[in-house]
Amino acid sequence: MRKNLIYSKAMTTMISEVYEAFRVAGVPEEKARKAAEALSAENLATKLDITSIEKELILIKWMLGLVIAGIASLMLKAFFI
């Protein structure tokens, strides 16, 4: 629970910093608030998300390699054997 509280507080600080940066840049208050909320943790990829995607990508590469090898073997059989 404490970890979530610390994370939430840090996230709130980050959102308020983004909001303040937008306001200093001259963005209207409502648009600055909505943009800062859009950059919240729910919309950002975590390291765990990226690791998961990388593992899936490795699997897909292997699957594609096997499919290509299978097609190549069928073509060799059809034309040369």
PDB file of N, CA and C in Angstrom:
ATOM      1  N   MET A   1       0.825  -1.199   0.000  1.00  0.00           N
ATOM      2  CA  MET A   1       0.000   0.000   0.000  1.00  0.00           C
ATOM      3  C   MET A   1       0.866   1.258   0.000  1.00  0.00           C
ATOM      4  N   ARG A   2       1.928   1.244   0.796  1.00  0.00           N
ATOM      5  CA  ARG A   2       2.808   2.408   0.879  1.00  0.00           C
ATOM      6  C   ARG A   2       3.460   2.692  -0.469  1.00  0.00           C
ATOM      7  N   LYS A   3       3.857   1.627  -1.174  1.00  0.00           N
ATOM      8  CA  LYS A   3       4.483   1.809  -2.482  1.00  0.00           C
ATOM      9  C   LYS A   3       3.513   2.494  -3.445  1.00  0.00           C
ATOM     10  N   ASN A   4       2.248   2.079  -3.428  1.00  0.00           N
ATOM     11  CA  ASN A   4       1.246   2.700  -4.297  1.00  0.00           C
ATOM     12  C   ASN A   4       1.032   4.162  -3.932  1.00  0.00           C
ATOM     13  N   LEU A   5       1.066   4.464  -2.634  1.00  0.00           N
ATOM     14  CA  LEU A   5       0.886   5.839  -2.186  1.00  0.00           C
ATOM     15  C   LEU A   5       2.035   6.709  -2.680  1.00  0.00           C
ATOM     16  N   ILE A   6       3.263   6.207  -2.550  1.00  0.00           N
ATOM     17  CA  ILE A   6       4.429   6.954  -3.016  1.00  0.00           C
ATOM     18  C   ILE A   6       4.365   7.140  -4.524  1.00  0.00           C
ATOM     19  N   TYR A   7       4.012   6.081  -5.244  1.00  0.00           N
ATOM     20  CA  TYR A   7       3.904   6.150  -6.697  1.00  0.00           C
ATOM     21  C   TYR A   7       2.837   7.157  -7.097  1.00  0.00           C
ATOM     22  N   SER A   8       1.700   7.115  -6.406  1.00  0.00           N
ATOM     23  CA  SER A   8       0.601   8.021  -6.716  1.00  0.00           C
ATOM     24  C   SER A   8       1.013   9.467  -6.475  1.00  0.00           C
ATOM     25  N   LYS A   9       1.719   9.707  -5.357  1.00  0.00           N
ATOM     26  CA  LYS A   9       2.160  11.060  -5.050  1.00  0.00           C
ATOM     27  C   LYS A   9       3.151  11.556  -6.097  1.00  0.00           C
ATOM     28  N   ALA A  10       4.081  10.687  -6.499  1.00  0.00           N
ATOM     29  CA  ALA A  10       5.052  11.071  -7.522  1.00  0.00           C
ATOM     30  C   ALA A  10       4.349  11.348  -8.839  1.00  0.00           C
ATOM     31  N   MET A  11       3.347  10.544  -9.159  1.00  0.00           N
ATOM     32  CA  MET A  11       2.604  10.731 -10.402  1.00  0.00           C
ATOM     33  C   MET A  11       1.849  12.049 -10.365  1.00  0.00           C
ATOM     34  N   THR A  12       1.236  12.361  -9.229  1.00  0.00           N
ATOM     35  CA  THR A  12       0.503  13.627  -9.094  1.00  0.00           C
ATOM     36  C   THR A  12       1.457  14.798  -9.272  1.00  0.00           C
ATOM     37  N   THR A  13       2.648  14.697  -8.701  1.00  0.00           N
ATOM     38  CA  THR A  13       3.646  15.746  -8.841  1.00  0.00           C
ATOM     39  C   THR A  13       4.039  15.908 -10.302  1.00  0.00           C
ATOM     40  N   MET A  14       4.250  14.782 -10.988  1.00  0.00           N
ATOM     41  CA  MET A  14       4.643  14.856 -12.388  1.00  0.00           C
ATOM     42  C   MET A  14       3.535  15.507 -13.212  1.00  0.00           C
ATOM     43  N   ILE A  15       2.289  15.112 -12.964  1.00  0.00           N
ATOM     44  CA  ILE A  15       1.179  15.686 -13.716  1.00  0.00           C
ATOM     45  C   ILE A  15       1.087  17.185 -13.453  1.00  0.00           C
ATOM     46  N   SER A  16       1.267  17.593 -12.195  1.00  0.00           N
ATOM     47  CA  SER A  16       1.192  19.020 -11.889  1.00  0.00           C
ATOM     48  C   SER A  16       2.354  19.778 -12.531  1.00  0.00           C
ATOM     49  N   GLU A  17       3.533  19.135 -12.623  1.00  0.00           N
ATOM     50  CA  GLU A  17       4.665  19.782 -13.289  1.00  0.00           C
ATOM     51  C   GLU A  17       4.386  19.970 -14.777  1.00  0.00           C
ATOM     52  N   VAL A  18       3.796  18.968 -15.401  1.00  0.00           N
ATOM     53  CA  VAL A  18       3.441  19.073 -16.821  1.00  0.00           C
ATOM     54  C   VAL A  18       2.389  20.167 -17.000  1.00  0.00           C
ATOM     55  N   TYR A  19       1.403  20.177 -16.106  1.00  0.00           N
ATOM     56  CA  TYR A  19       0.352  21.191 -16.159  1.00  0.00           C
ATOM     57  C   TYR A  19       0.966  22.594 -16.058  1.00  0.00           C
ATOM     58  N   GLU A  20       1.862  22.770 -15.113  1.00  0.00           N
ATOM     59  CA  GLU A  20       2.491  24.082 -14.923  1.00  0.00           C
ATOM     60  C   GLU A  20       3.321  24.468 -16.147  1.00  0.00           C
ATOM     61  N   ALA A  21       3.996  23.497 -16.746  1.00  0.00           N
ATOM     62  CA  ALA A  21       4.788  23.787 -17.948  1.00  0.00           C
ATOM     63  C   ALA A  21       3.892  24.241 -19.097  1.00  0.00           C
ATOM     64  N   PHE A  22       2.749  23.589 -19.237  1.00  0.00           N
ATOM     65  CA  PHE A  22       1.799  24.009 -20.276  1.00  0.00           C
ATOM     66  C   PHE A  22       1.279  25.411 -20.001  1.00  0.00           C
ATOM     67  N   ARG A  23       0.986  25.690 -18.741  1.00  0.00           N
ATOM     68  CA  ARG A  23       0.450  27.018 -18.391  1.00  0.00           C
ATOM     69  C   ARG A  23       1.483  28.102 -18.674  1.00  0.00           C
ATOM     70  N   VAL A  24       2.750  27.833 -18.338  1.00  0.00           N
ATOM     71  CA  VAL A  24       3.812  28.810 -18.595  1.00  0.00           C
ATOM     72  C   VAL A  24       3.974  29.027 -20.092  1.00  0.00           C
ATOM     73  N   ALA A  25       3.745  27.980 -20.870  1.00  0.00           N
ATOM     74  CA  ALA A  25       3.874  28.086 -22.321  1.00  0.00           C
ATOM     75  C   ALA A  25       2.685  28.807 -22.958  1.00  0.00           C
ATOM     76  N   GLY A  26       1.680  29.143 -22.147  1.00  0.00           N
ATOM     77  CA  GLY A  26       0.552  29.902 -22.658  1.00  0.00           C
ATOM     78  C   GLY A  26      -0.648  29.078 -23.069  1.00  0.00           C
ATOM     79  N   VAL A  27      -0.678  27.805 -22.694  1.00  0.00           N
ATOM     80  CA  VAL A  27      -1.811  26.947 -23.031  1.00  0.00           C
ATOM     81  C   VAL A  27      -2.963  27.276 -22.089  1.00  0.00           C
ATOM     82  N   PRO A  28      -4.199  27.385 -22.591  1.00  0.00           N
ATOM     83  CA  PRO A  28      -5.339  27.650 -21.720  1.00  0.00           C
ATOM     84  C   PRO A  28      -5.468  26.596 -20.600  1.00  0.00           C
ATOM     85  N   GLU A  29      -6.035  27.022 -19.475  1.00  0.00           N
ATOM     86  CA  GLU A  29      -6.080  26.168 -18.280  1.00  0.00           C
ATOM     87  C   GLU A  29      -6.724  24.801 -18.535  1.00  0.00           C
ATOM     88  N   GLU A  30      -7.870  24.787 -19.181  1.00  0.00           N
ATOM     89  CA  GLU A  30      -8.592  23.523 -19.405  1.00  0.00           C
ATOM     90  C   GLU A  30      -7.784  22.580 -20.304  1.00  0.00           C
ATOM     91  N   LYS A  31      -7.202  23.128 -21.367  1.00  0.00           N
ATOM     92  CA  LYS A  31      -6.402  22.296 -22.266  1.00  0.00           C
ATOM     93  C   LYS A  31      -5.143  21.783 -21.568  1.00  0.00           C
ATOM     94  N   ALA A  32      -4.525  22.606 -20.739  1.00  0.00           N
ATOM     95  CA  ALA A  32      -3.329  22.190 -20.002  1.00  0.00           C
ATOM     96  C   ALA A  32      -3.669  21.060 -19.032  1.00  0.00           C
ATOM     97  N   ARG A  33      -4.803  21.158 -18.349  1.00  0.00           N
ATOM     98  CA  ARG A  33      -5.214  20.115 -17.404  1.00  0.00           C
ATOM     99  C   ARG A  33      -5.483  18.806 -18.131  1.00  0.00           C
ATOM    100  N   LYS A  34      -6.214  18.882 -19.244  1.00  0.00           N
ATOM    101  CA  LYS A  34      -6.532  17.664 -20.000  1.00  0.00           C
ATOM    102  C   LYS A  34      -5.264  17.018 -20.575  1.00  0.00           C
ATOM    103  N   ALA A  35      -4.347  17.827 -21.060  1.00  0.00           N
ATOM    104  CA  ALA A  35      -3.101  17.285 -21.615  1.00  0.00           C
ATOM    105  C   ALA A  35      -2.265  16.627 -20.523  1.00  0.00           C
ATOM    106  N   ALA A  36      -2.203  17.237 -19.353  1.00  0.00           N
ATOM    107  CA  ALA A  36      -1.444  16.659 -18.240  1.00  0.00           C
ATOM    108  C   ALA A  36      -2.073  15.351 -17.786  1.00  0.00           C
ATOM    109  N   GLU A  37      -3.393  15.278 -17.763  1.00  0.00           N
ATOM    110  CA  GLU A  37      -4.072  14.037 -17.378  1.00  0.00           C
ATOM    111  C   GLU A  37      -3.842  12.948 -18.422  1.00  0.00           C
ATOM    112  N   ALA A  38      -3.757  13.334 -19.685  1.00  0.00           N
ATOM    113  CA  ALA A  38      -3.530  12.361 -20.752  1.00  0.00           C
ATOM    114  C   ALA A  38      -2.154  11.714 -20.644  1.00  0.00           C
ATOM    115  N   LEU A  39      -1.230  12.396 -20.001  1.00  0.00           N
ATOM    116  CA  LEU A  39       0.124  11.869 -19.827  1.00  0.00           C
ATOM    117  C   LEU A  39       0.273  11.093 -18.520  1.00  0.00           C
ATOM    118  N   SER A  40      -0.826  10.687 -17.942  1.00  0.00           N
ATOM    119  CA  SER A  40      -0.763   9.962 -16.671  1.00  0.00           C
ATOM    120  C   SER A  40      -0.248   8.540 -16.880  1.00  0.00           C
ATOM    121  N   ALA A  41      -0.030   7.818 -15.806  1.00  0.00           N
ATOM    122  CA  ALA A  41       0.593   6.479 -15.840  1.00  0.00           C
ATOM    123  C   ALA A  41      -0.213   5.474 -16.644  1.00  0.00           C
ATOM    124  N   GLU A  42      -1.512   5.616 -16.711  1.00  0.00           N
ATOM    125  CA  GLU A  42      -2.315   4.638 -17.444  1.00  0.00           C
ATOM    126  C   GLU A  42      -1.992   4.644 -18.930  1.00  0.00           C
ATOM    127  N   ASN A  43      -1.477   5.733 -19.425  1.00  0.00           N
ATOM    128  CA  ASN A  43      -1.232   5.846 -20.855  1.00  0.00           C
ATOM    129  C   ASN A  43       0.228   5.629 -21.241  1.00  0.00           C
ATOM    130  N   LEU A  44       1.092   5.443 -20.246  1.00  0.00           N
ATOM    131  CA  LEU A  44       2.511   5.274 -20.536  1.00  0.00           C
ATOM    132  C   LEU A  44       2.906   3.815 -20.384  1.00  0.00           C
ATOM    133  N   ALA A  45       3.791   3.346 -21.239  1.00  0.00           N
ATOM    134  CA  ALA A  45       4.268   1.964 -21.150  1.00  0.00           C
ATOM    135  C   ALA A  45       5.308   1.869 -20.039  1.00  0.00           C
ATOM    136  N   THR A  46       5.209   0.807 -19.248  1.00  0.00           N
ATOM    137  CA  THR A  46       6.191   0.560 -18.206  1.00  0.00           C
ATOM    138  C   THR A  46       7.268  -0.374 -18.744  1.00  0.00           C
ATOM    139  N   LYS A  47       8.332  -0.556 -17.974  1.00  0.00           N
ATOM    140  CA  LYS A  47       9.385  -1.483 -18.386  1.00  0.00           C
ATOM    141  C   LYS A  47       8.830  -2.894 -18.506  1.00  0.00           C
ATOM    142  N   LEU A  48       7.886  -3.241 -17.640  1.00  0.00           N
ATOM    143  CA  LEU A  48       7.270  -4.567 -17.700  1.00  0.00           C
ATOM    144  C   LEU A  48       6.482  -4.736 -18.999  1.00  0.00           C
ATOM    145  N   ASP A  49       5.768  -3.694 -19.418  1.00  0.00           N
ATOM    146  CA  ASP A  49       5.031  -3.740 -20.686  1.00  0.00           C
ATOM    147  C   ASP A  49       5.989  -3.948 -21.861  1.00  0.00           C
ATOM    148  N   ILE A  50       7.081  -3.220 -21.860  1.00  0.00           N
ATOM    149  CA  ILE A  50       8.039  -3.301 -22.955  1.00  0.00           C
ATOM    150  C   ILE A  50       8.710  -4.667 -22.981  1.00  0.00           C
ATOM    151  N   THR A  51       9.059  -5.201 -21.808  1.00  0.00           N
ATOM    152  CA  THR A  51       9.664  -6.529 -21.737  1.00  0.00           C
ATOM    153  C   THR A  51       8.713  -7.582 -22.279  1.00  0.00           C
ATOM    154  N   SER A  52       7.443  -7.465 -21.937  1.00  0.00           N
ATOM    155  CA  SER A  52       6.439  -8.407 -22.420  1.00  0.00           C
ATOM    156  C   SER A  52       6.328  -8.357 -23.941  1.00  0.00           C
ATOM    157  N   ILE A  53       6.320  -7.177 -24.487  1.00  0.00           N
ATOM    158  CA  ILE A  53       6.229  -7.019 -25.941  1.00  0.00           C
ATOM    159  C   ILE A  53       7.484  -7.564 -26.621  1.00  0.00           C
ATOM    160  N   GLU A  54       8.651  -7.342 -26.008  1.00  0.00           N
ATOM    161  CA  GLU A  54       9.889  -7.862 -26.585  1.00  0.00           C
ATOM    162  C   GLU A  54       9.867  -9.390 -26.641  1.00  0.00           C
ATOM    163  N   LYS A  55       9.356 -10.031 -25.589  1.00  0.00           N
ATOM    164  CA  LYS A  55       9.270 -11.489 -25.567  1.00  0.00           C
ATOM    165  C   LYS A  55       8.314 -11.989 -26.644  1.00  0.00           C
ATOM    166  N   GLU A  56       7.196 -11.323 -26.823  1.00  0.00           N
ATOM    167  CA  GLU A  56       6.255 -11.705 -27.869  1.00  0.00           C
ATOM    168  C   GLU A  56       6.878 -11.529 -29.251  1.00  0.00           C
ATOM    169  N   LEU A  57       7.652 -10.472 -29.420  1.00  0.00           N
ATOM    170  CA  LEU A  57       8.303 -10.213 -30.702  1.00  0.00           C
ATOM    171  C   LEU A  57       9.319 -11.302 -31.029  1.00  0.00           C
ATOM    172  N   ILE A  58      10.056 -11.768 -30.032  1.00  0.00           N
ATOM    173  CA  ILE A  58      11.014 -12.865 -30.255  1.00  0.00           C
ATOM    174  C   ILE A  58      10.274 -14.109 -30.724  1.00  0.00           C
ATOM    175  N   LEU A  59       9.145 -14.420 -30.078  1.00  0.00           N
ATOM    176  CA  LEU A  59       8.342 -15.580 -30.476  1.00  0.00           C
ATOM    177  C   LEU A  59       7.840 -15.442 -31.912  1.00  0.00           C
ATOM    178  N   ILE A  60       7.374 -14.269 -32.257  1.00  0.00           N
ATOM    179  CA  ILE A  60       6.860 -14.036 -33.614  1.00  0.00           C
ATOM    180  C   ILE A  60       7.977 -14.185 -34.649  1.00  0.00           C
ATOM    181  N   LYS A  61       9.176 -13.716 -34.321  1.00  0.00           N
ATOM    182  CA  LYS A  61      10.301 -13.873 -35.245  1.00  0.00           C
ATOM    183  C   LYS A  61      10.608 -15.349 -35.486  1.00  0.00           C
ATOM    184  N   TRP A  62      10.620 -16.150 -34.420  1.00  0.00           N
ATOM    185  CA  TRP A  62      10.865 -17.586 -34.573  1.00  0.00           C
ATOM    186  C   TRP A  62       9.775 -18.244 -35.410  1.00  0.00           C
ATOM    187  N   MET A  63       8.523 -17.860 -35.152  1.00  0.00           N
ATOM    188  CA  MET A  63       7.417 -18.439 -35.912  1.00  0.00           C
ATOM    189  C   MET A  63       7.549 -18.088 -37.390  1.00  0.00           C
ATOM    190  N   LEU A  64       7.892 -16.842 -37.682  1.00  0.00           N
ATOM    191  CA  LEU A  64       8.066 -16.420 -39.069  1.00  0.00           C
ATOM    192  C   LEU A  64       9.218 -17.178 -39.725  1.00  0.00           C
ATOM    193  N   GLY A  65      10.296 -17.374 -38.990  1.00  0.00           N
ATOM    194  CA  GLY A  65      11.424 -18.134 -39.523  1.00  0.00           C
ATOM    195  C   GLY A  65      11.031 -19.557 -39.874  1.00  0.00           C
ATOM    196  N   LEU A  66      10.236 -20.193 -39.001  1.00  0.00           N
ATOM    197  CA  LEU A  66       9.781 -21.556 -39.283  1.00  0.00           C
ATOM    198  C   LEU A  66       8.865 -21.608 -40.500  1.00  0.00           C
ATOM    199  N   VAL A  67       8.001 -20.619 -40.633  1.00  0.00           N
ATOM    200  CA  VAL A  67       7.105 -20.572 -41.790  1.00  0.00           C
ATOM    201  C   VAL A  67       7.916 -20.399 -43.074  1.00  0.00           C
ATOM    202  N   ILE A  68       8.885 -19.504 -43.052  1.00  0.00           N
ATOM    203  CA  ILE A  68       9.718 -19.294 -44.236  1.00  0.00           C
ATOM    204  C   ILE A  68      10.503 -20.553 -44.576  1.00  0.00           C
ATOM    205  N   ALA A  69      11.045 -21.217 -43.564  1.00  0.00           N
ATOM    206  CA  ALA A  69      11.781 -22.463 -43.796  1.00  0.00           C
ATOM    207  C   ALA A  69      10.854 -23.532 -44.383  1.00  0.00           C
ATOM    208  N   GLY A  70       9.635 -23.611 -43.879  1.00  0.00           N
ATOM    209  CA  GLY A  70       8.670 -24.578 -44.410  1.00  0.00           C
ATOM    210  C   GLY A  70       8.324 -24.306 -45.853  1.00  0.00           C
ATOM    211  N   ILE A  71       8.099 -23.050 -46.185  1.00  0.00           N
ATOM    212  CA  ILE A  71       7.780 -22.686 -47.567  1.00  0.00           C
ATOM    213  C   ILE A  71       8.965 -22.973 -48.477  1.00  0.00           C
ATOM    214  N   ALA A  72      10.168 -22.648 -47.999  1.00  0.00           N
ATOM    215  CA  ALA A  72      11.365 -22.911 -48.805  1.00  0.00           C
ATOM    216  C   ALA A  72      11.532 -24.408 -49.054  1.00  0.00           C
ATOM    217  N   SER A  73      11.284 -25.215 -48.036  1.00  0.00           N
ATOM    218  CA  SER A  73      11.423 -26.668 -48.228  1.00  0.00           C
ATOM    219  C   SER A  73      10.374 -27.185 -49.211  1.00  0.00           C
ATOM    220  N   LEU A  74       9.163 -26.668 -49.159  1.00  0.00           N
ATOM    221  CA  LEU A  74       8.129 -27.083 -50.113  1.00  0.00           C
ATOM    222  C   LEU A  74       8.484 -26.663 -51.535  1.00  0.00           C
ATOM    223  N   MET A  75       9.052 -25.465 -51.682  1.00  0.00           N
ATOM    224  CA  MET A  75       9.456 -25.004 -53.012  1.00  0.00           C
ATOM    225  C   MET A  75      10.601 -25.859 -53.554  1.00  0.00           C
ATOM    226  N   LEU A  76      11.563 -26.184 -52.703  1.00  0.00           N
ATOM    227  CA  LEU A  76      12.663 -27.051 -53.140  1.00  0.00           C
ATOM    228  C   LEU A  76      12.139 -28.412 -53.555  1.00  0.00           C
ATOM    229  N   LYS A  77      11.221 -28.951 -52.791  1.00  0.00           N
ATOM    230  CA  LYS A  77      10.650 -30.271 -53.117  1.00  0.00           C
ATOM    231  C   LYS A  77       9.877 -30.219 -54.435  1.00  0.00           C
ATOM    232  N   ALA A  78       9.121 -29.141 -54.644  1.00  0.00           N
ATOM    233  CA  ALA A  78       8.286 -29.032 -55.837  1.00  0.00           C
ATOM    234  C   ALA A  78       9.120 -28.839 -57.099  1.00  0.00           C
ATOM    235  N   PHE A  79      10.220 -28.120 -57.010  1.00  0.00           N
ATOM    236  CA  PHE A  79      10.973 -27.794 -58.213  1.00  0.00           C
ATOM    237  C   PHE A  79      12.192 -28.652 -58.450  1.00  0.00           C
ATOM    238  N   PHE A  80      12.762 -29.253 -57.411  1.00  0.00           N
ATOM    239  CA  PHE A  80      14.027 -29.952 -57.586  1.00  0.00           C
ATOM    240  C   PHE A  80      13.996 -31.422 -57.231  1.00  0.00           C
ATOM    241  N   ILE A  81      12.990 -31.878 -56.568  1.00  0.00           N
ATOM    242  CA  ILE A  81      12.981 -33.292 -56.171  1.00  0.00           C
ATOM    243  C   ILE A  81      11.835 -34.028 -56.842  1.00  0.00           C
TER     244      ILE A  81
END
